[in-house]
Amino acid sequence: MKLTIVIPCYNEAKTIRTIVDRVRAAPVKDKEIIIVDDCSRDGTRDLLRTQIMPLVDRIIFHDVNQGKGAALRTGFAAATGDAVIVQDADLEYDPQEYPKLLRPILDGKADVVFGSRFSGGEAHRVVYFWHMVGNKFLTLLSNMATNLNLTDMETCYKLFRRDILQKITIEENRFGFEPEIIAKVSKLDCVIYEVGISYYGRTYSEGKKIGWRDGFRALYAIAKYNFFR
């Protein structure tokens, strides 16, 4: 099975080379790596052009910063693999865990697999309490709307069979992508699995971008894509 890894990237000059090296070293034989740079302004684009372009299959550059959802929309459209996974350009998630996420699909049990930071016994860096509370609250509201029992709606690691992903049109440009994609997947006739993953969260001083405004957008997206679509 060919796996496409889509890496949305914005101002990640400190980590982009490292994450590309880790993705390339992931224990998946047949993989396609697509980076979508969302108009970075910190030197990331220069690194992509001079160092990283020969290491990956494709790099797509946005001329205007649009947000993570928009970068994923671009990357998903370019994917050619049998399955597609989201990989953030920071170092919070470990590509060595791709086989664990792929297993339910390879076994014919799942169409979509989410990596959960809140299930299983994997390593977790201790960071922000209120982020955890907000995540669990948004996951609860999303579950109430979708009737799913996910433990981590906001996880980066979302893995799809590509034929399932092709049935979904992403409308959200920023972090509203997360509840939007959950709502739309829940309306399809597909099987969803969760797999426990490790998590090495970073702080705002280290480049973390999601903020409280994104939480309010997530509330809007939960209502919009579950009840008005």
C-alpha atoms as a PDB file:
ATOM      1  CA  MET A   1       0.000   0.000   0.000  1.00  0.00           C
ATOM      2  CA  LYS A   2       1.356   3.397  -0.980  1.00  0.00           C
ATOM      3  CA  LEU A   3       1.122   6.015   1.769  1.00  0.00           C
ATOM      4  CA  THR A   4       1.010   9.730   0.968  1.00  0.00           C
ATOM      5  CA  ILE A   5       2.252  11.962   3.781  1.00  0.00           C
ATOM      6  CA  VAL A   6       0.944  15.527   3.514  1.00  0.00           C
ATOM      7  CA  ILE A   7       2.969  18.064   5.519  1.00  0.00           C
ATOM      8  CA  PRO A   8       1.333  21.504   5.893  1.00  0.00           C
ATOM      9  CA  CYS A   9       4.070  23.987   6.699  1.00  0.00           C
ATOM     10  CA  TYR A  10       4.120  27.583   7.928  1.00  0.00           C
ATOM     11  CA  ASN A  11       7.190  29.239   9.472  1.00  0.00           C
ATOM     12  CA  GLU A  12       8.904  25.999  10.471  1.00  0.00           C
ATOM     13  CA  ALA A  13      12.520  26.792   9.531  1.00  0.00           C
ATOM     14  CA  LYS A  14      13.785  25.309  12.815  1.00  0.00           C
ATOM     15  CA  THR A  15      12.114  21.915  12.349  1.00  0.00           C
ATOM     16  CA  ILE A  16      11.257  21.290   8.690  1.00  0.00           C
ATOM     17  CA  ARG A  17      14.504  19.509   7.776  1.00  0.00           C
ATOM     18  CA  THR A  18      14.328  17.299  10.867  1.00  0.00           C
ATOM     19  CA  ILE A  19      10.717  16.263  10.272  1.00  0.00           C
ATOM     20  CA  VAL A  20      11.436  15.498   6.611  1.00  0.00           C
ATOM     21  CA  ASP A  21      14.352  13.298   7.655  1.00  0.00           C
ATOM     22  CA  ARG A  22      12.128  11.508  10.178  1.00  0.00           C
ATOM     23  CA  VAL A  23       9.358  10.986   7.635  1.00  0.00           C
ATOM     24  CA  ARG A  24      11.852   9.624   5.124  1.00  0.00           C
ATOM     25  CA  ALA A  25      13.118   7.214   7.795  1.00  0.00           C
ATOM     26  CA  ALA A  26       9.613   6.020   8.725  1.00  0.00           C
ATOM     27  CA  PRO A  27       9.254   2.220   8.348  1.00  0.00           C
ATOM     28  CA  VAL A  28       6.899   2.359   5.346  1.00  0.00           C
ATOM     29  CA  LYS A  29       8.411   1.133   2.080  1.00  0.00           C
ATOM     30  CA  ASP A  30       6.126   2.803  -0.448  1.00  0.00           C
ATOM     31  CA  LYS A  31       5.544   6.421   0.489  1.00  0.00           C
ATOM     32  CA  GLU A  32       4.973   9.771  -1.171  1.00  0.00           C
ATOM     33  CA  ILE A  33       5.918  12.975   0.655  1.00  0.00           C
ATOM     34  CA  ILE A  34       4.102  16.203  -0.231  1.00  0.00           C
ATOM     35  CA  ILE A  35       4.883  19.496   1.515  1.00  0.00           C
ATOM     36  CA  VAL A  36       2.547  22.472   1.216  1.00  0.00           C
ATOM     37  CA  ASP A  37       4.208  25.696   2.314  1.00  0.00           C
ATOM     38  CA  ASP A  38       1.552  28.200   3.342  1.00  0.00           C
ATOM     39  CA  CYS A  39       3.551  31.338   2.466  1.00  0.00           C
ATOM     40  CA  SER A  40       6.189  31.041   5.200  1.00  0.00           C
ATOM     41  CA  ARG A  41       8.176  34.197   5.955  1.00  0.00           C
ATOM     42  CA  ASP A  42      10.936  32.919   8.252  1.00  0.00           C
ATOM     43  CA  GLY A  43      13.279  31.329   5.707  1.00  0.00           C
ATOM     44  CA  THR A  44      11.375  28.045   5.430  1.00  0.00           C
ATOM     45  CA  ARG A  45      10.782  28.560   1.710  1.00  0.00           C
ATOM     46  CA  ASP A  46      14.499  28.972   1.054  1.00  0.00           C
ATOM     47  CA  LEU A  47      15.225  25.733   2.905  1.00  0.00           C
ATOM     48  CA  LEU A  48      12.538  23.942   0.930  1.00  0.00           C
ATOM     49  CA  ARG A  49      13.985  25.106  -2.370  1.00  0.00           C
ATOM     50  CA  THR A  50      17.671  24.607  -1.571  1.00  0.00           C
ATOM     51  CA  GLN A  51      17.825  21.606   0.756  1.00  0.00           C
ATOM     52  CA  ILE A  52      14.549  19.734   0.897  1.00  0.00           C
ATOM     53  CA  MET A  53      13.193  19.678  -2.660  1.00  0.00           C
ATOM     54  CA  PRO A  54      15.440  16.728  -3.704  1.00  0.00           C
ATOM     55  CA  LEU A  55      14.335  14.753  -0.628  1.00  0.00           C
ATOM     56  CA  VAL A  56      10.574  14.722  -1.204  1.00  0.00           C
ATOM     57  CA  ASP A  57       8.183  13.982  -4.033  1.00  0.00           C
ATOM     58  CA  ARG A  58       6.546  17.389  -4.322  1.00  0.00           C
ATOM     59  CA  ILE A  59       6.542  20.834  -2.732  1.00  0.00           C
ATOM     60  CA  ILE A  60       3.638  23.205  -3.354  1.00  0.00           C
ATOM     61  CA  PHE A  61       3.958  26.876  -2.462  1.00  0.00           C
ATOM     62  CA  HIS A  62       0.983  29.058  -1.525  1.00  0.00           C
ATOM     63  CA  ASP A  63       1.427  32.682  -2.561  1.00  0.00           C
ATOM     64  CA  VAL A  64      -0.811  33.880   0.281  1.00  0.00           C
ATOM     65  CA  ASN A  65      -1.051  32.534   3.825  1.00  0.00           C
ATOM     66  CA  GLN A  66      -4.415  30.780   4.120  1.00  0.00           C
ATOM     67  CA  GLY A  67      -4.160  28.358   7.043  1.00  0.00           C
ATOM     68  CA  LYS A  68      -3.694  24.674   7.821  1.00  0.00           C
ATOM     69  CA  GLY A  69      -7.024  23.589   6.343  1.00  0.00           C
ATOM     70  CA  ALA A  70      -6.222  25.289   3.049  1.00  0.00           C
ATOM     71  CA  ALA A  71      -2.767  23.676   2.949  1.00  0.00           C
ATOM     72  CA  LEU A  72      -4.293  20.261   3.550  1.00  0.00           C
ATOM     73  CA  ARG A  73      -6.895  20.851   0.838  1.00  0.00           C
ATOM     74  CA  THR A  74      -4.042  21.517  -1.593  1.00  0.00           C
ATOM     75  CA  GLY A  75      -2.024  18.531  -0.403  1.00  0.00           C
ATOM     76  CA  PHE A  76      -4.930  16.089  -0.480  1.00  0.00           C
ATOM     77  CA  ALA A  77      -5.732  17.081  -4.057  1.00  0.00           C
ATOM     78  CA  ALA A  78      -2.161  16.256  -5.081  1.00  0.00           C
ATOM     79  CA  ALA A  79      -1.977  12.905  -3.243  1.00  0.00           C
ATOM     80  CA  THR A  80      -1.648   9.712  -5.292  1.00  0.00           C
ATOM     81  CA  GLY A  81      -1.273   7.119  -2.513  1.00  0.00           C
ATOM     82  CA  ASP A  82      -3.773   4.444  -1.515  1.00  0.00           C
ATOM     83  CA  ALA A  83      -3.852   6.042   1.924  1.00  0.00           C
ATOM     84  CA  VAL A  84      -3.160   9.606   3.073  1.00  0.00           C
ATOM     85  CA  ILE A  85      -1.936  10.841   6.472  1.00  0.00           C
ATOM     86  CA  VAL A  86      -1.465  14.335   7.899  1.00  0.00           C
ATOM     87  CA  GLN A  87       1.960  15.094   9.381  1.00  0.00           C
ATOM     88  CA  ASP A  88       2.560  18.441  11.065  1.00  0.00           C
ATOM     89  CA  ALA A  89       5.884  20.121  10.285  1.00  0.00           C
ATOM     90  CA  ASP A  90       6.804  20.458  13.954  1.00  0.00           C
ATOM     91  CA  LEU A  91       8.212  17.584  16.010  1.00  0.00           C
ATOM     92  CA  GLU A  92       5.166  16.790  18.158  1.00  0.00           C
ATOM     93  CA  TYR A  93       4.270  13.526  16.374  1.00  0.00           C
ATOM     94  CA  ASP A  94       6.524  10.568  15.576  1.00  0.00           C
ATOM     95  CA  PRO A  95       6.527   9.155  12.003  1.00  0.00           C
ATOM     96  CA  GLN A  96       7.882   5.877  13.396  1.00  0.00           C
ATOM     97  CA  GLU A  97       4.276   5.205  14.413  1.00  0.00           C
ATOM     98  CA  TYR A  98       2.910   5.114  10.849  1.00  0.00           C
ATOM     99  CA  PRO A  99       2.801   1.271  10.782  1.00  0.00           C
ATOM    100  CA  LYS A 100       0.697   1.263  13.956  1.00  0.00           C
ATOM    101  CA  LEU A 101      -1.778   3.665  12.341  1.00  0.00           C
ATOM    102  CA  LEU A 102      -1.806   1.780   9.044  1.00  0.00           C
ATOM    103  CA  ARG A 103      -2.430  -1.641  10.584  1.00  0.00           C
ATOM    104  CA  PRO A 104      -6.268  -1.406  10.890  1.00  0.00           C
ATOM    105  CA  ILE A 105      -6.479  -0.366   7.212  1.00  0.00           C
ATOM    106  CA  LEU A 106      -4.027  -3.039   6.041  1.00  0.00           C
ATOM    107  CA  ASP A 107      -6.015  -5.630   7.994  1.00  0.00           C
ATOM    108  CA  GLY A 108      -9.192  -4.555   6.202  1.00  0.00           C
ATOM    109  CA  LYS A 109     -10.835  -3.408   9.424  1.00  0.00           C
ATOM    110  CA  ALA A 110     -10.866   0.385   8.977  1.00  0.00           C
ATOM    111  CA  ASP A 111     -11.317   3.103   6.377  1.00  0.00           C
ATOM    112  CA  VAL A 112     -10.148   5.957   8.619  1.00  0.00           C
ATOM    113  CA  VAL A 113      -7.723   5.856  11.564  1.00  0.00           C
ATOM    114  CA  PHE A 114      -7.108   8.622  14.090  1.00  0.00           C
ATOM    115  CA  GLY A 115      -4.097   8.705  16.392  1.00  0.00           C
ATOM    116  CA  SER A 116      -5.171   9.493  19.947  1.00  0.00           C
ATOM    117  CA  ARG A 117      -2.939  11.247  22.461  1.00  0.00           C
ATOM    118  CA  PHE A 118      -5.334  10.271  25.246  1.00  0.00           C
ATOM    119  CA  SER A 119      -5.581   6.505  24.819  1.00  0.00           C
ATOM    120  CA  GLY A 120      -2.896   3.871  25.215  1.00  0.00           C
ATOM    121  CA  GLY A 121       0.274   4.051  27.249  1.00  0.00           C
ATOM    122  CA  GLU A 122       2.678   5.908  24.964  1.00  0.00           C
ATOM    123  CA  ALA A 123       5.034   8.705  26.046  1.00  0.00           C
ATOM    124  CA  HIS A 124       3.636  12.225  26.404  1.00  0.00           C
ATOM    125  CA  ARG A 125       5.401  15.471  27.152  1.00  0.00           C
ATOM    126  CA  VAL A 126       3.695  17.369  29.983  1.00  0.00           C
ATOM    127  CA  VAL A 127       2.609  20.791  28.699  1.00  0.00           C
ATOM    128  CA  TYR A 128      -0.565  22.907  28.944  1.00  0.00           C
ATOM    129  CA  PHE A 129      -3.422  21.873  31.265  1.00  0.00           C
ATOM    130  CA  TRP A 130      -6.001  24.225  29.741  1.00  0.00           C
ATOM    131  CA  HIS A 131      -5.192  23.042  26.227  1.00  0.00           C
ATOM    132  CA  MET A 132      -6.010  19.527  27.383  1.00  0.00           C
ATOM    133  CA  VAL A 133      -9.260  20.695  28.956  1.00  0.00           C
ATOM    134  CA  GLY A 134     -10.231  22.609  25.818  1.00  0.00           C
ATOM    135  CA  ASN A 135      -9.397  19.638  23.606  1.00  0.00           C
ATOM    136  CA  LYS A 136     -11.487  17.260  25.691  1.00  0.00           C
ATOM    137  CA  PHE A 137     -14.373  19.749  25.765  1.00  0.00           C
ATOM    138  CA  LEU A 138     -14.351  20.193  21.990  1.00  0.00           C
ATOM    139  CA  THR A 139     -14.026  16.432  21.503  1.00  0.00           C
ATOM    140  CA  LEU A 140     -17.049  15.907  23.772  1.00  0.00           C
ATOM    141  CA  LEU A 141     -19.158  18.408  21.821  1.00  0.00           C
ATOM    142  CA  SER A 142     -18.060  16.879  18.521  1.00  0.00           C
ATOM    143  CA  ASN A 143     -18.917  13.393  19.773  1.00  0.00           C
ATOM    144  CA  MET A 144     -22.335  14.547  20.929  1.00  0.00           C
ATOM    145  CA  ALA A 145     -22.990  15.919  17.448  1.00  0.00           C
ATOM    146  CA  THR A 146     -21.603  12.955  15.493  1.00  0.00           C
ATOM    147  CA  ASN A 147     -22.470  10.107  17.897  1.00  0.00           C
ATOM    148  CA  LEU A 148     -18.862   8.924  17.691  1.00  0.00           C
ATOM    149  CA  ASN A 149     -16.778   8.052  20.769  1.00  0.00           C
ATOM    150  CA  LEU A 150     -13.445   9.579  19.808  1.00  0.00           C
ATOM    151  CA  THR A 151     -10.995  10.562  22.533  1.00  0.00           C
ATOM    152  CA  ASP A 152      -8.945  13.121  20.554  1.00  0.00           C
ATOM    153  CA  MET A 153     -10.764  15.065  17.850  1.00  0.00           C
ATOM    154  CA  GLU A 154      -7.950  17.627  17.479  1.00  0.00           C
ATOM    155  CA  THR A 155      -5.175  15.120  16.793  1.00  0.00           C
ATOM    156  CA  CYS A 156      -2.799  15.763  13.897  1.00  0.00           C
ATOM    157  CA  TYR A 157      -2.581  12.088  12.932  1.00  0.00           C
ATOM    158  CA  LYS A 158      -5.576  11.499  10.715  1.00  0.00           C
ATOM    159  CA  LEU A 159      -5.164   8.658   8.208  1.00  0.00           C
ATOM    160  CA  PHE A 160      -7.643   8.025   5.401  1.00  0.00           C
ATOM    161  CA  ARG A 161      -8.058   5.591   2.568  1.00  0.00           C
ATOM    162  CA  ARG A 162      -7.781   7.976  -0.366  1.00  0.00           C
ATOM    163  CA  ASP A 163     -11.102   6.913  -1.882  1.00  0.00           C
ATOM    164  CA  ILE A 164     -12.792   8.013   1.352  1.00  0.00           C
ATOM    165  CA  LEU A 165     -10.932  11.323   1.368  1.00  0.00           C
ATOM    166  CA  GLN A 166     -11.998  12.011  -2.222  1.00  0.00           C
ATOM    167  CA  LYS A 167     -15.630  12.061  -1.068  1.00  0.00           C
ATOM    168  CA  ILE A 168     -14.935  15.037   1.211  1.00  0.00           C
ATOM    169  CA  THR A 169     -14.557  18.696   0.267  1.00  0.00           C
ATOM    170  CA  ILE A 170     -12.638  20.697   2.865  1.00  0.00           C
ATOM    171  CA  GLU A 171     -14.051  24.185   3.350  1.00  0.00           C
ATOM    172  CA  GLU A 172     -12.277  25.403   6.492  1.00  0.00           C
ATOM    173  CA  ASN A 173      -8.996  27.228   5.913  1.00  0.00           C
ATOM    174  CA  ARG A 174      -7.583  27.142   9.431  1.00  0.00           C
ATOM    175  CA  PHE A 175      -7.884  24.801  12.420  1.00  0.00           C
ATOM    176  CA  GLY A 176     -11.648  24.471  11.893  1.00  0.00           C
ATOM    177  CA  PHE A 177     -10.551  21.695   9.554  1.00  0.00           C
ATOM    178  CA  GLU A 178     -10.428  19.277  12.508  1.00  0.00           C
ATOM    179  CA  PRO A 179     -14.118  19.266  13.542  1.00  0.00           C
ATOM    180  CA  GLU A 180     -15.146  19.710   9.905  1.00  0.00           C
ATOM    181  CA  ILE A 181     -13.408  16.544   8.737  1.00  0.00           C
ATOM    182  CA  ILE A 182     -14.757  14.582  11.719  1.00  0.00           C
ATOM    183  CA  ALA A 183     -18.309  15.710  10.941  1.00  0.00           C
ATOM    184  CA  LYS A 184     -17.999  14.817   7.278  1.00  0.00           C
ATOM    185  CA  VAL A 185     -16.377  11.445   7.894  1.00  0.00           C
ATOM    186  CA  SER A 186     -19.116  10.567  10.395  1.00  0.00           C
ATOM    187  CA  LYS A 187     -21.729  10.996   7.657  1.00  0.00           C
ATOM    188  CA  LEU A 188     -20.021   8.522   5.340  1.00  0.00           C
ATOM    189  CA  ASP A 189     -20.565   4.773   5.406  1.00  0.00           C
ATOM    190  CA  CYS A 190     -17.066   4.017   6.678  1.00  0.00           C
ATOM    191  CA  VAL A 191     -15.347   2.356   9.627  1.00  0.00           C
ATOM    192  CA  ILE A 192     -13.313   4.574  11.976  1.00  0.00           C
ATOM    193  CA  TYR A 193     -10.601   3.359  14.359  1.00  0.00           C
ATOM    194  CA  GLU A 194      -8.476   5.094  16.984  1.00  0.00           C
ATOM    195  CA  VAL A 195      -4.913   4.089  17.866  1.00  0.00           C
ATOM    196  CA  GLY A 196      -2.947   5.353  20.864  1.00  0.00           C
ATOM    197  CA  ILE A 197       0.106   7.447  19.919  1.00  0.00           C
ATOM    198  CA  SER A 198       2.930   9.288  21.665  1.00  0.00           C
ATOM    199  CA  TYR A 199       2.994  13.077  21.822  1.00  0.00           C
ATOM    200  CA  TYR A 200       5.848  15.523  22.260  1.00  0.00           C
ATOM    201  CA  GLY A 201       3.980  18.809  22.577  1.00  0.00           C
ATOM    202  CA  ARG A 202       5.784  22.085  22.128  1.00  0.00           C
ATOM    203  CA  THR A 203       5.290  25.428  23.880  1.00  0.00           C
ATOM    204  CA  TYR A 204       4.400  28.783  22.335  1.00  0.00           C
ATOM    205  CA  SER A 205       8.016  29.870  22.660  1.00  0.00           C
ATOM    206  CA  GLU A 206       8.941  26.816  20.595  1.00  0.00           C
ATOM    207  CA  GLY A 207       6.484  27.757  17.852  1.00  0.00           C
ATOM    208  CA  LYS A 208       3.070  26.407  18.816  1.00  0.00           C
ATOM    209  CA  LYS A 209       0.431  28.268  16.795  1.00  0.00           C
ATOM    210  CA  ILE A 210      -3.075  27.197  17.815  1.00  0.00           C
ATOM    211  CA  GLY A 211      -4.803  29.673  20.139  1.00  0.00           C
ATOM    212  CA  TRP A 212      -8.071  30.468  21.863  1.00  0.00           C
ATOM    213  CA  ARG A 213      -9.576  32.019  18.727  1.00  0.00           C
ATOM    214  CA  ASP A 214      -9.221  28.650  17.031  1.00  0.00           C
ATOM    215  CA  GLY A 215     -11.260  27.115  19.836  1.00  0.00           C
ATOM    216  CA  PHE A 216     -14.173  29.419  19.066  1.00  0.00           C
ATOM    217  CA  ARG A 217     -13.876  28.584  15.360  1.00  0.00           C
ATOM    218  CA  ALA A 218     -13.984  24.900  16.280  1.00  0.00           C
ATOM    219  CA  LEU A 219     -17.276  25.473  18.117  1.00  0.00           C
ATOM    220  CA  TYR A 220     -18.663  27.169  15.016  1.00  0.00           C
ATOM    221  CA  ALA A 221     -17.432  24.334  12.792  1.00  0.00           C
ATOM    222  CA  ILE A 222     -18.977  21.656  15.025  1.00  0.00           C
ATOM    223  CA  ALA A 223     -22.373  23.338  14.706  1.00  0.00           C
ATOM    224  CA  LYS A 224     -22.061  24.199  11.009  1.00  0.00           C
ATOM    225  CA  TYR A 225     -20.921  20.854   9.616  1.00  0.00           C
ATOM    226  CA  ASN A 226     -23.039  18.630  11.846  1.00  0.00           C
ATOM    227  CA  PHE A 227     -26.364  20.468  11.848  1.00  0.00           C
ATOM    228  CA  PHE A 228     -26.463  22.798   8.843  1.00  0.00           C
ATOM    229  CA  ARG A 229     -24.966  20.631   6.097  1.00  0.00           C
END
